[in-house]
Each structure stands twice: as C-alpha cells, then as structure tokens.
Amino acid sequence: ALGREDLLASGFDEETVETVVSLVDRAEWKRRQYPIGPKVT
C-alpha cells in the first residue's frame, strides 16, 4: 500500500511508477468482474 511518493522514495523511476500506478488504477473495473480464484497472499 505504498503511494506514489513512497514508490519514488523507494528508488523506482518516475516513468515506471506513473505507468504502473495508472494502469492499476484504471483496471479496477475489470478486476471486479474477474472470476473467483484462491487467495494465497
């Protein structure tokens, strides 16, 4: 649950952070429709 600033402080480059975080946030509607699967984490 690290935020953008935390991710940058952890050493990830800004372009990667912005790309990944934006993709994750935009895909929430898809995840809500995905089939059930085993929780292992």
PDB file of all heavy atoms in Angstrom:
ATOM      1  N   ALA A   1       0.810  -1.227   0.000  1.00  0.00           N
ATOM      2  CA  ALA A   1       0.000   0.000   0.000  1.00  0.00           C
ATOM      3  C   ALA A   1       0.841   1.273   0.000  1.00  0.00           C
ATOM      4  O   ALA A   1       0.451   2.289   0.595  1.00  0.00           O
ATOM      5  CB  ALA A   1      -0.968  -0.008   1.181  1.00  0.00           C
ATOM      6  N   LEU A   2       1.987   1.272  -0.674  1.00  0.00           N
ATOM      7  CA  LEU A   2       2.774   2.492  -0.793  1.00  0.00           C
ATOM      8  C   LEU A   2       2.151   3.412  -1.842  1.00  0.00           C
ATOM      9  O   LEU A   2       1.646   2.954  -2.866  1.00  0.00           O
ATOM     10  CB  LEU A   2       4.217   2.169  -1.192  1.00  0.00           C
ATOM     11  CG  LEU A   2       5.023   1.296  -0.231  1.00  0.00           C
ATOM     12  CD1 LEU A   2       6.463   1.204  -0.711  1.00  0.00           C
ATOM     13  CD2 LEU A   2       4.969   1.819   1.192  1.00  0.00           C
ATOM     14  N   GLY A   3       2.188   4.708  -1.611  1.00  0.00           N
ATOM     15  CA  GLY A   3       1.696   5.677  -2.568  1.00  0.00           C
ATOM     16  C   GLY A   3       2.779   6.092  -3.542  1.00  0.00           C
ATOM     17  O   GLY A   3       3.923   5.622  -3.478  1.00  0.00           O
ATOM     18  N   ARG A   4       2.445   7.015  -4.457  1.00  0.00           N
ATOM     19  CA  ARG A   4       3.404   7.426  -5.478  1.00  0.00           C
ATOM     20  C   ARG A   4       4.695   7.969  -4.873  1.00  0.00           C
ATOM     21  O   ARG A   4       5.785   7.592  -5.291  1.00  0.00           O
ATOM     22  CB  ARG A   4       2.756   8.474  -6.383  1.00  0.00           C
ATOM     23  CG  ARG A   4       1.766   7.910  -7.386  1.00  0.00           C
ATOM     24  CD  ARG A   4       1.086   9.043  -8.149  1.00  0.00           C
ATOM     25  NE  ARG A   4       0.293   8.523  -9.251  1.00  0.00           N
ATOM     26  CZ  ARG A   4      -0.902   7.959  -9.104  1.00  0.00           C
ATOM     27  NH1 ARG A   4      -1.423   7.830  -7.886  1.00  0.00           N
ATOM     28  NH2 ARG A   4      -1.570   7.512 -10.155  1.00  0.00           N
ATOM     29  N   GLU A   5       4.572   8.878  -3.915  1.00  0.00           N
ATOM     30  CA  GLU A   5       5.765   9.467  -3.324  1.00  0.00           C
ATOM     31  C   GLU A   5       6.613   8.400  -2.633  1.00  0.00           C
ATOM     32  O   GLU A   5       7.846   8.428  -2.688  1.00  0.00           O
ATOM     33  CB  GLU A   5       5.369  10.569  -2.335  1.00  0.00           C
ATOM     34  CG  GLU A   5       4.637  11.750  -2.972  1.00  0.00           C
ATOM     35  CD  GLU A   5       5.441  12.370  -4.110  1.00  0.00           C
ATOM     36  OE1 GLU A   5       6.670  12.525  -3.950  1.00  0.00           O
ATOM     37  OE2 GLU A   5       4.845  12.675  -5.170  1.00  0.00           O
ATOM     38  N   ASP A   6       5.956   7.445  -1.970  1.00  0.00           N
ATOM     39  CA  ASP A   6       6.687   6.356  -1.312  1.00  0.00           C
ATOM     40  C   ASP A   6       7.414   5.487  -2.334  1.00  0.00           C
ATOM     41  O   ASP A   6       8.543   5.036  -2.095  1.00  0.00           O
ATOM     42  CB  ASP A   6       5.728   5.485  -0.498  1.00  0.00           C
ATOM     43  CG  ASP A   6       5.026   6.251   0.606  1.00  0.00           C
ATOM     44  OD1 ASP A   6       5.690   7.077   1.242  1.00  0.00           O
ATOM     45  OD2 ASP A   6       3.823   6.026   0.809  1.00  0.00           O
ATOM     46  N   LEU A   7       6.762   5.244  -3.468  1.00  0.00           N
ATOM     47  CA  LEU A   7       7.387   4.423  -4.501  1.00  0.00           C
ATOM     48  C   LEU A   7       8.624   5.106  -5.071  1.00  0.00           C
ATOM     49  O   LEU A   7       9.654   4.463  -5.290  1.00  0.00           O
ATOM     50  CB  LEU A   7       6.376   4.142  -5.620  1.00  0.00           C
ATOM     51  CG  LEU A   7       5.183   3.257  -5.249  1.00  0.00           C
ATOM     52  CD1 LEU A   7       4.152   3.249  -6.379  1.00  0.00           C
ATOM     53  CD2 LEU A   7       5.643   1.835  -4.954  1.00  0.00           C
ATOM     54  N   LEU A   8       8.518   6.410  -5.305  1.00  0.00           N
ATOM     55  CA  LEU A   8       9.667   7.159  -5.815  1.00  0.00           C
ATOM     56  C   LEU A   8      10.793   7.168  -4.792  1.00  0.00           C
ATOM     57  O   LEU A   8      11.973   7.005  -5.136  1.00  0.00           O
ATOM     58  CB  LEU A   8       9.252   8.586  -6.169  1.00  0.00           C
ATOM     59  CG  LEU A   8       8.260   8.716  -7.335  1.00  0.00           C
ATOM     60  CD1 LEU A   8       7.795  10.161  -7.479  1.00  0.00           C
ATOM     61  CD2 LEU A   8       8.902   8.244  -8.640  1.00  0.00           C
ATOM     62  N   ALA A   9      10.434   7.329  -3.524  1.00  0.00           N
ATOM     63  CA  ALA A   9      11.442   7.329  -2.457  1.00  0.00           C
ATOM     64  C   ALA A   9      12.109   5.965  -2.319  1.00  0.00           C
ATOM     65  O   ALA A   9      13.245   5.870  -1.833  1.00  0.00           O
ATOM     66  CB  ALA A   9      10.800   7.746  -1.138  1.00  0.00           C
ATOM     67  N   SER A  10      11.409   4.909  -2.759  1.00  0.00           N
ATOM     68  CA  SER A  10      11.971   3.556  -2.678  1.00  0.00           C
ATOM     69  C   SER A  10      12.964   3.271  -3.796  1.00  0.00           C
ATOM     70  O   SER A  10      13.595   2.209  -3.801  1.00  0.00           O
ATOM     71  CB  SER A  10      10.844   2.514  -2.729  1.00  0.00           C
ATOM     72  OG  SER A  10       9.980   2.663  -1.622  1.00  0.00           O
ATOM     73  N   GLY A  11      13.074   4.195  -4.757  1.00  0.00           N
ATOM     74  CA  GLY A  11      14.061   4.042  -5.810  1.00  0.00           C
ATOM     75  C   GLY A  11      13.513   3.713  -7.179  1.00  0.00           C
ATOM     76  O   GLY A  11      14.283   3.599  -8.144  1.00  0.00           O
ATOM     77  N   PHE A  12      12.196   3.534  -7.317  1.00  0.00           N
ATOM     78  CA  PHE A  12      11.622   3.278  -8.631  1.00  0.00           C
ATOM     79  C   PHE A  12      11.612   4.578  -9.433  1.00  0.00           C
ATOM     80  O   PHE A  12      11.351   5.653  -8.883  1.00  0.00           O
ATOM     81  CB  PHE A  12      10.201   2.744  -8.510  1.00  0.00           C
ATOM     82  CG  PHE A  12      10.101   1.425  -7.809  1.00  0.00           C
ATOM     83  CD1 PHE A  12       9.502   1.318  -6.565  1.00  0.00           C
ATOM     84  CD2 PHE A  12      10.617   0.274  -8.389  1.00  0.00           C
ATOM     85  CE1 PHE A  12       9.412   0.106  -5.897  1.00  0.00           C
ATOM     86  CE2 PHE A  12      10.528  -0.953  -7.741  1.00  0.00           C
ATOM     87  CZ  PHE A  12       9.937  -1.037  -6.493  1.00  0.00           C
ATOM     88  N   ASP A  13      11.885   4.480 -10.746  1.00  0.00           N
ATOM     89  CA  ASP A  13      11.919   5.699 -11.554  1.00  0.00           C
ATOM     90  C   ASP A  13      10.512   6.223 -11.812  1.00  0.00           C
ATOM     91  O   ASP A  13       9.528   5.464 -11.797  1.00  0.00           O
ATOM     92  CB  ASP A  13      12.647   5.456 -12.877  1.00  0.00           C
ATOM     93  CG  ASP A  13      11.874   4.546 -13.815  1.00  0.00           C
ATOM     94  OD1 ASP A  13      11.036   5.047 -14.579  1.00  0.00           O
ATOM     95  OD2 ASP A  13      12.096   3.319 -13.754  1.00  0.00           O
ATOM     96  N   GLU A  14      10.414   7.505 -12.043  1.00  0.00           N
ATOM     97  CA  GLU A  14       9.115   8.179 -12.123  1.00  0.00           C
ATOM     98  C   GLU A  14       8.261   7.651 -13.272  1.00  0.00           C
ATOM     99  O   GLU A  14       7.048   7.466 -13.117  1.00  0.00           O
ATOM    100  CB  GLU A  14       9.317   9.689 -12.279  1.00  0.00           C
ATOM    101  CG  GLU A  14       8.014  10.476 -12.247  1.00  0.00           C
ATOM    102  CD  GLU A  14       8.250  11.976 -12.214  1.00  0.00           C
ATOM    103  OE1 GLU A  14       9.424  12.395 -12.234  1.00  0.00           O
ATOM    104  OE2 GLU A  14       7.251  12.727 -12.168  1.00  0.00           O
ATOM    105  N   GLU A  15       8.862   7.401 -14.421  1.00  0.00           N
ATOM    106  CA  GLU A  15       8.091   6.921 -15.567  1.00  0.00           C
ATOM    107  C   GLU A  15       7.460   5.555 -15.281  1.00  0.00           C
ATOM    108  O   GLU A  15       6.283   5.319 -15.583  1.00  0.00           O
ATOM    109  CB  GLU A  15       8.984   6.826 -16.798  1.00  0.00           C
ATOM    110  CG  GLU A  15       8.229   6.349 -18.048  1.00  0.00           C
ATOM    111  CD  GLU A  15       9.125   6.266 -19.268  1.00  0.00           C
ATOM    112  OE1 GLU A  15      10.321   6.606 -19.172  1.00  0.00           O
ATOM    113  OE2 GLU A  15       8.626   5.826 -20.336  1.00  0.00           O
ATOM    114  N   THR A  16       8.239   4.657 -14.664  1.00  0.00           N
ATOM    115  CA  THR A  16       7.711   3.329 -14.330  1.00  0.00           C
ATOM    116  C   THR A  16       6.584   3.438 -13.318  1.00  0.00           C
ATOM    117  O   THR A  16       5.539   2.791 -13.451  1.00  0.00           O
ATOM    118  CB  THR A  16       8.828   2.422 -13.778  1.00  0.00           C
ATOM    119  OG1 THR A  16       9.839   2.264 -14.772  1.00  0.00           O
ATOM    120  CG2 THR A  16       8.274   1.060 -13.383  1.00  0.00           C
ATOM    121  N   VAL A  17       6.794   4.255 -12.288  1.00  0.00           N
ATOM    122  CA  VAL A  17       5.770   4.421 -11.253  1.00  0.00           C
ATOM    123  C   VAL A  17       4.481   4.958 -11.858  1.00  0.00           C
ATOM    124  O   VAL A  17       3.388   4.435 -11.591  1.00  0.00           O
ATOM    125  CB  VAL A  17       6.274   5.354 -10.132  1.00  0.00           C
ATOM    126  CG1 VAL A  17       5.122   5.759  -9.209  1.00  0.00           C
ATOM    127  CG2 VAL A  17       7.376   4.677  -9.335  1.00  0.00           C
ATOM    128  N   GLU A  18       4.578   5.997 -12.674  1.00  0.00           N
ATOM    129  CA  GLU A  18       3.381   6.592 -13.259  1.00  0.00           C
ATOM    130  C   GLU A  18       2.669   5.606 -14.176  1.00  0.00           C
ATOM    131  O   GLU A  18       1.436   5.491 -14.161  1.00  0.00           O
ATOM    132  CB  GLU A  18       3.733   7.857 -14.031  1.00  0.00           C
ATOM    133  CG  GLU A  18       2.532   8.635 -14.545  1.00  0.00           C
ATOM    134  CD  GLU A  18       1.620   9.111 -13.440  1.00  0.00           C
ATOM    135  OE1 GLU A  18       2.121   9.416 -12.339  1.00  0.00           O
ATOM    136  OE2 GLU A  18       0.391   9.169 -13.670  1.00  0.00           O
ATOM    137  N   THR A  19       3.444   4.854 -14.948  1.00  0.00           N
ATOM    138  CA  THR A  19       2.843   3.871 -15.857  1.00  0.00           C
ATOM    139  C   THR A  19       2.100   2.783 -15.086  1.00  0.00           C
ATOM    140  O   THR A  19       0.936   2.486 -15.360  1.00  0.00           O
ATOM    141  CB  THR A  19       3.936   3.226 -16.724  1.00  0.00           C
ATOM    142  OG1 THR A  19       4.537   4.219 -17.545  1.00  0.00           O
ATOM    143  CG2 THR A  19       3.337   2.132 -17.605  1.00  0.00           C
ATOM    144  N   VAL A  20       2.777   2.190 -14.114  1.00  0.00           N
ATOM    145  CA  VAL A  20       2.189   1.064 -13.400  1.00  0.00           C
ATOM    146  C   VAL A  20       1.000   1.505 -12.559  1.00  0.00           C
ATOM    147  O   VAL A  20      -0.064   0.881 -12.595  1.00  0.00           O
ATOM    148  CB  VAL A  20       3.248   0.367 -12.518  1.00  0.00           C
ATOM    149  CG1 VAL A  20       2.597  -0.717 -11.657  1.00  0.00           C
ATOM    150  CG2 VAL A  20       4.344  -0.242 -13.386  1.00  0.00           C
ATOM    151  N   VAL A  21       1.157   2.580 -11.804  1.00  0.00           N
ATOM    152  CA  VAL A  21       0.074   3.031 -10.932  1.00  0.00           C
ATOM    153  C   VAL A  21      -1.152   3.433 -11.745  1.00  0.00           C
ATOM    154  O   VAL A  21      -2.294   3.105 -11.379  1.00  0.00           O
ATOM    155  CB  VAL A  21       0.543   4.194 -10.040  1.00  0.00           C
ATOM    156  CG1 VAL A  21      -0.634   4.835  -9.312  1.00  0.00           C
ATOM    157  CG2 VAL A  21       1.568   3.700  -9.036  1.00  0.00           C
ATOM    158  N   SER A  22      -0.942   4.091 -12.860  1.00  0.00           N
ATOM    159  CA  SER A  22      -2.076   4.479 -13.712  1.00  0.00           C
ATOM    160  C   SER A  22      -2.786   3.263 -14.285  1.00  0.00           C
ATOM    161  O   SER A  22      -4.019   3.194 -14.318  1.00  0.00           O
ATOM    162  CB  SER A  22      -1.588   5.387 -14.845  1.00  0.00           C
ATOM    163  OG  SER A  22      -1.069   6.595 -14.348  1.00  0.00           O
ATOM    164  N   LEU A  23      -2.009   2.273 -14.733  1.00  0.00           N
ATOM    165  CA  LEU A  23      -2.614   1.051 -15.258  1.00  0.00           C
ATOM    166  C   LEU A  23      -3.415   0.328 -14.182  1.00  0.00           C
ATOM    167  O   LEU A  23      -4.535  -0.143 -14.431  1.00  0.00           O
ATOM    168  CB  LEU A  23      -1.530   0.121 -15.797  1.00  0.00           C
ATOM    169  CG  LEU A  23      -0.864   0.513 -17.119  1.00  0.00           C
ATOM    170  CD1 LEU A  23       0.327  -0.399 -17.407  1.00  0.00           C
ATOM    171  CD2 LEU A  23      -1.862   0.457 -18.274  1.00  0.00           C
ATOM    172  N   VAL A  24      -2.853   0.228 -12.980  1.00  0.00           N
ATOM    173  CA  VAL A  24      -3.544  -0.460 -11.887  1.00  0.00           C
ATOM    174  C   VAL A  24      -4.847   0.247 -11.549  1.00  0.00           C
ATOM    175  O   VAL A  24      -5.907  -0.385 -11.410  1.00  0.00           O
ATOM    176  CB  VAL A  24      -2.640  -0.549 -10.640  1.00  0.00           C
ATOM    177  CG1 VAL A  24      -3.426  -1.061  -9.436  1.00  0.00           C
ATOM    178  CG2 VAL A  24      -1.452  -1.469 -10.906  1.00  0.00           C
ATOM    179  N   ASP A  25      -4.795   1.571 -11.414  1.00  0.00           N
ATOM    180  CA  ASP A  25      -5.998   2.315 -11.032  1.00  0.00           C
ATOM    181  C   ASP A  25      -7.082   2.231 -12.110  1.00  0.00           C
ATOM    182  O   ASP A  25      -8.271   2.117 -11.794  1.00  0.00           O
ATOM    183  CB  ASP A  25      -5.654   3.775 -10.753  1.00  0.00           C
ATOM    184  CG  ASP A  25      -4.889   3.947  -9.443  1.00  0.00           C
ATOM    185  OD1 ASP A  25      -4.683   2.944  -8.742  1.00  0.00           O
ATOM    186  OD2 ASP A  25      -4.500   5.092  -9.134  1.00  0.00           O
ATOM    187  N   ARG A  26      -6.681   2.257 -13.369  1.00  0.00           N
ATOM    188  CA  ARG A  26      -7.676   2.230 -14.445  1.00  0.00           C
ATOM    189  C   ARG A  26      -8.320   0.857 -14.619  1.00  0.00           C
ATOM    190  O   ARG A  26      -9.377   0.742 -15.240  1.00  0.00           O
ATOM    191  CB  ARG A  26      -7.038   2.664 -15.765  1.00  0.00           C
ATOM    192  CG  ARG A  26      -6.753   4.139 -15.875  1.00  0.00           C
ATOM    193  CD  ARG A  26      -6.637   4.564 -17.328  1.00  0.00           C
ATOM    194  NE  ARG A  26      -5.599   3.846 -18.036  1.00  0.00           N
ATOM    195  CZ  ARG A  26      -4.337   4.285 -18.177  1.00  0.00           C
ATOM    196  NH1 ARG A  26      -3.969   5.421 -17.607  1.00  0.00           N
ATOM    197  NH2 ARG A  26      -3.449   3.600 -18.859  1.00  0.00           N
ATOM    198  N   ALA A  27      -7.691  -0.185 -14.084  1.00  0.00           N
ATOM    199  CA  ALA A  27      -8.177  -1.553 -14.323  1.00  0.00           C
ATOM    200  C   ALA A  27      -9.080  -2.076 -13.222  1.00  0.00           C
ATOM    201  O   ALA A  27      -9.471  -3.243 -13.260  1.00  0.00           O
ATOM    202  CB  ALA A  27      -6.983  -2.498 -14.502  1.00  0.00           C
ATOM    203  N   GLU A  28      -9.426  -1.239 -12.238  1.00  0.00           N
ATOM    204  CA  GLU A  28     -10.231  -1.737 -11.124  1.00  0.00           C
ATOM    205  C   GLU A  28     -11.560  -2.315 -11.601  1.00  0.00           C
ATOM    206  O   GLU A  28     -12.029  -3.333 -11.093  1.00  0.00           O
ATOM    207  CB  GLU A  28     -10.470  -0.621 -10.108  1.00  0.00           C
ATOM    208  CG  GLU A  28     -11.318  -1.016  -8.908  1.00  0.00           C
ATOM    209  CD  GLU A  28     -10.629  -1.988  -7.953  1.00  0.00           C
ATOM    210  OE1 GLU A  28      -9.460  -2.348  -8.206  1.00  0.00           O
ATOM    211  OE2 GLU A  28     -11.251  -2.381  -6.946  1.00  0.00           O
ATOM    212  N   TRP A  29     -12.182  -1.682 -12.585  1.00  0.00           N
ATOM    213  CA  TRP A  29     -13.478  -2.172 -13.073  1.00  0.00           C
ATOM    214  C   TRP A  29     -13.354  -3.570 -13.672  1.00  0.00           C
ATOM    215  O   TRP A  29     -14.274  -4.393 -13.541  1.00  0.00           O
ATOM    216  CB  TRP A  29     -14.068  -1.194 -14.094  1.00  0.00           C
ATOM    217  CG  TRP A  29     -13.339  -1.172 -15.408  1.00  0.00           C
ATOM    218  CD1 TRP A  29     -12.189  -0.514 -15.708  1.00  0.00           C
ATOM    219  CD2 TRP A  29     -13.725  -1.866 -16.595  1.00  0.00           C
ATOM    220  NE1 TRP A  29     -11.817  -0.742 -17.008  1.00  0.00           N
ATOM    221  CE2 TRP A  29     -12.755  -1.560 -17.580  1.00  0.00           C
ATOM    222  CE3 TRP A  29     -14.787  -2.703 -16.940  1.00  0.00           C
ATOM    223  CZ2 TRP A  29     -12.819  -2.075 -18.874  1.00  0.00           C
ATOM    224  CZ3 TRP A  29     -14.847  -3.209 -18.228  1.00  0.00           C
ATOM    225  CH2 TRP A  29     -13.870  -2.892 -19.176  1.00  0.00           C
ATOM    226  N   LYS A  30     -12.221  -3.849 -14.297  1.00  0.00           N
ATOM    227  CA  LYS A  30     -12.009  -5.194 -14.839  1.00  0.00           C
ATOM    228  C   LYS A  30     -11.834  -6.222 -13.719  1.00  0.00           C
ATOM    229  O   LYS A  30     -12.398  -7.321 -13.771  1.00  0.00           O
ATOM    230  CB  LYS A  30     -10.751  -5.225 -15.723  1.00  0.00           C
ATOM    231  CG  LYS A  30     -10.907  -4.667 -17.117  1.00  0.00           C
ATOM    232  CD  LYS A  30      -9.644  -4.971 -17.897  1.00  0.00           C
ATOM    233  CE  LYS A  30      -9.750  -4.504 -19.325  1.00  0.00           C
ATOM    234  NZ  LYS A  30      -8.539  -4.860 -20.114  1.00  0.00           N
ATOM    235  N   ARG A  31     -11.054  -5.856 -12.724  1.00  0.00           N
ATOM    236  CA  ARG A  31     -10.795  -6.806 -11.637  1.00  0.00           C
ATOM    237  C   ARG A  31     -12.076  -7.196 -10.915  1.00  0.00           C
ATOM    238  O   ARG A  31     -12.218  -8.320 -10.436  1.00  0.00           O
ATOM    239  CB  ARG A  31      -9.789  -6.204 -10.648  1.00  0.00           C
ATOM    240  CG  ARG A  31      -8.379  -6.127 -11.187  1.00  0.00           C
ATOM    241  CD  ARG A  31      -7.399  -5.757 -10.094  1.00  0.00           C
ATOM    242  NE  ARG A  31      -7.584  -4.385  -9.656  1.00  0.00           N
ATOM    243  CZ  ARG A  31      -6.998  -3.326 -10.204  1.00  0.00           C
ATOM    244  NH1 ARG A  31      -6.184  -3.483 -11.224  1.00  0.00           N
ATOM    245  NH2 ARG A  31      -7.212  -2.118  -9.723  1.00  0.00           N
ATOM    246  N   ARG A  32     -13.012  -6.257 -10.819  1.00  0.00           N
ATOM    247  CA  ARG A  32     -14.267  -6.542 -10.127  1.00  0.00           C
ATOM    248  C   ARG A  32     -15.105  -7.577 -10.869  1.00  0.00           C
ATOM    249  O   ARG A  32     -16.026  -8.170 -10.304  1.00  0.00           O
ATOM    250  CB  ARG A  32     -15.072  -5.256  -9.944  1.00  0.00           C
ATOM    251  CG  ARG A  32     -14.432  -4.284  -8.968  1.00  0.00           C
ATOM    252  CD  ARG A  32     -14.688  -4.688  -7.539  1.00  0.00           C
ATOM    253  NE  ARG A  32     -13.716  -4.107  -6.613  1.00  0.00           N
ATOM    254  CZ  ARG A  32     -13.813  -4.131  -5.296  1.00  0.00           C
ATOM    255  NH1 ARG A  32     -14.866  -4.730  -4.744  1.00  0.00           N
ATOM    256  NH2 ARG A  32     -12.896  -3.601  -4.533  1.00  0.00           N
ATOM    257  N   GLN A  33     -14.818  -7.796 -12.145  1.00  0.00           N
ATOM    258  CA  GLN A  33     -15.592  -8.748 -12.942  1.00  0.00           C
ATOM    259  C   GLN A  33     -14.839 -10.052 -13.191  1.00  0.00           C
ATOM    260  O   GLN A  33     -15.358 -10.950 -13.855  1.00  0.00           O
ATOM    261  CB  GLN A  33     -15.958  -8.119 -14.294  1.00  0.00           C
ATOM    262  CG  GLN A  33     -16.798  -6.854 -14.174  1.00  0.00           C
ATOM    263  CD  GLN A  33     -17.194  -6.312 -15.530  1.00  0.00           C
ATOM    264  OE1 GLN A  33     -17.933  -6.945 -16.290  1.00  0.00           O
ATOM    265  NE2 GLN A  33     -16.701  -5.133 -15.863  1.00  0.00           N
ATOM    266  N   TYR A  34     -13.627 -10.153 -12.666  1.00  0.00           N
ATOM    267  CA  TYR A  34     -12.820 -11.334 -12.941  1.00  0.00           C
ATOM    268  C   TYR A  34     -13.323 -12.518 -12.125  1.00  0.00           C
ATOM    269  O   TYR A  34     -13.878 -12.344 -11.029  1.00  0.00           O
ATOM    270  CB  TYR A  34     -11.355 -11.041 -12.593  1.00  0.00           C
ATOM    271  CG  TYR A  34     -10.369 -11.885 -13.350  1.00  0.00           C
ATOM    272  CD1 TYR A  34     -10.087 -11.619 -14.691  1.00  0.00           C
ATOM    273  CD2 TYR A  34      -9.704 -12.929 -12.735  1.00  0.00           C
ATOM    274  CE1 TYR A  34      -9.172 -12.390 -15.389  1.00  0.00           C
ATOM    275  CE2 TYR A  34      -8.779 -13.708 -13.423  1.00  0.00           C
ATOM    276  CZ  TYR A  34      -8.530 -13.434 -14.757  1.00  0.00           C
ATOM    277  OH  TYR A  34      -7.626 -14.207 -15.451  1.00  0.00           O
ATOM    278  N   PRO A  35     -13.153 -13.730 -12.623  1.00  0.00           N
ATOM    279  CA  PRO A  35     -13.617 -14.906 -11.868  1.00  0.00           C
ATOM    280  C   PRO A  35     -12.954 -15.010 -10.504  1.00  0.00           C
ATOM    281  O   PRO A  35     -11.871 -14.475 -10.266  1.00  0.00           O
ATOM    282  CB  PRO A  35     -13.217 -16.081 -12.765  1.00  0.00           C
ATOM    283  CG  PRO A  35     -13.027 -15.506 -14.118  1.00  0.00           C
ATOM    284  CD  PRO A  35     -12.576 -14.105 -13.924  1.00  0.00           C
ATOM    285  N   ILE A  36     -13.579 -15.740  -9.630  1.00  0.00           N
ATOM    286  CA  ILE A  36     -13.036 -16.019  -8.310  1.00  0.00           C
ATOM    287  C   ILE A  36     -11.787 -16.890  -8.443  1.00  0.00           C
ATOM    288  O   ILE A  36     -11.657 -17.668  -9.393  1.00  0.00           O
ATOM    289  CB  ILE A  36     -14.108 -16.715  -7.444  1.00  0.00           C
ATOM    290  CG1 ILE A  36     -13.717 -16.700  -5.977  1.00  0.00           C
ATOM    291  CG2 ILE A  36     -14.382 -18.143  -7.931  1.00  0.00           C
ATOM    292  CD1 ILE A  36     -14.836 -17.187  -5.082  1.00  0.00           C
ATOM    293  N   GLY A  37     -10.860 -16.729  -7.510  1.00  0.00           N
ATOM    294  CA  GLY A  37      -9.655 -17.548  -7.509  1.00  0.00           C
ATOM    295  C   GLY A  37      -9.107 -17.673  -6.100  1.00  0.00           C
ATOM    296  O   GLY A  37      -9.496 -16.912  -5.208  1.00  0.00           O
ATOM    297  N   PRO A  38      -8.195 -18.606  -5.849  1.00  0.00           N
ATOM    298  CA  PRO A  38      -7.718 -18.856  -4.482  1.00  0.00           C
ATOM    299  C   PRO A  38      -6.852 -17.717  -3.958  1.00  0.00           C
ATOM    300  O   PRO A  38      -5.916 -17.268  -4.626  1.00  0.00           O
ATOM    301  CB  PRO A  38      -6.905 -20.150  -4.618  1.00  0.00           C
ATOM    302  CG  PRO A  38      -6.446 -20.147  -6.040  1.00  0.00           C
ATOM    303  CD  PRO A  38      -7.540 -19.504  -6.831  1.00  0.00           C
ATOM    304  N   LYS A  39      -7.143 -17.272  -2.753  1.00  0.00           N
ATOM    305  CA  LYS A  39      -6.350 -16.242  -2.087  1.00  0.00           C
ATOM    306  C   LYS A  39      -5.126 -16.910  -1.468  1.00  0.00           C
ATOM    307  O   LYS A  39      -5.254 -17.762  -0.596  1.00  0.00           O
ATOM    308  CB  LYS A  39      -7.178 -15.556  -1.005  1.00  0.00           C
ATOM    309  CG  LYS A  39      -6.415 -14.583  -0.121  1.00  0.00           C
ATOM    310  CD  LYS A  39      -7.333 -13.982   0.931  1.00  0.00           C
ATOM    311  CE  LYS A  39      -6.561 -13.331   2.059  1.00  0.00           C
ATOM    312  NZ  LYS A  39      -5.708 -12.235   1.627  1.00  0.00           N
ATOM    313  N   VAL A  40      -3.927 -16.503  -1.910  1.00  0.00           N
ATOM    314  CA  VAL A  40      -2.706 -17.116  -1.400  1.00  0.00           C
ATOM    315  C   VAL A  40      -1.710 -16.086  -0.861  1.00  0.00           C
ATOM    316  O   VAL A  40      -0.645 -16.452  -0.380  1.00  0.00           O
ATOM    317  CB  VAL A  40      -2.009 -17.982  -2.483  1.00  0.00           C
ATOM    318  CG1 VAL A  40      -2.880 -19.173  -2.854  1.00  0.00           C
ATOM    319  CG2 VAL A  40      -1.682 -17.153  -3.724  1.00  0.00           C
ATOM    320  N   THR A  41      -2.054 -14.793  -0.939  1.00  0.00           N
ATOM    321  CA  THR A  41      -1.206 -13.758  -0.372  1.00  0.00           C
ATOM    322  C   THR A  41      -2.024 -12.950   0.635  1.00  0.00           C
ATOM    323  O   THR A  41      -3.239 -13.114   0.756  1.00  0.00           O
ATOM    324  CB  THR A  41      -0.666 -12.799  -1.451  1.00  0.00           C
ATOM    325  OG1 THR A  41      -1.735 -11.970  -1.941  1.00  0.00           O
ATOM    326  CG2 THR A  41      -0.034 -13.567  -2.600  1.00  0.00           C
TER     327      THR A  41
END
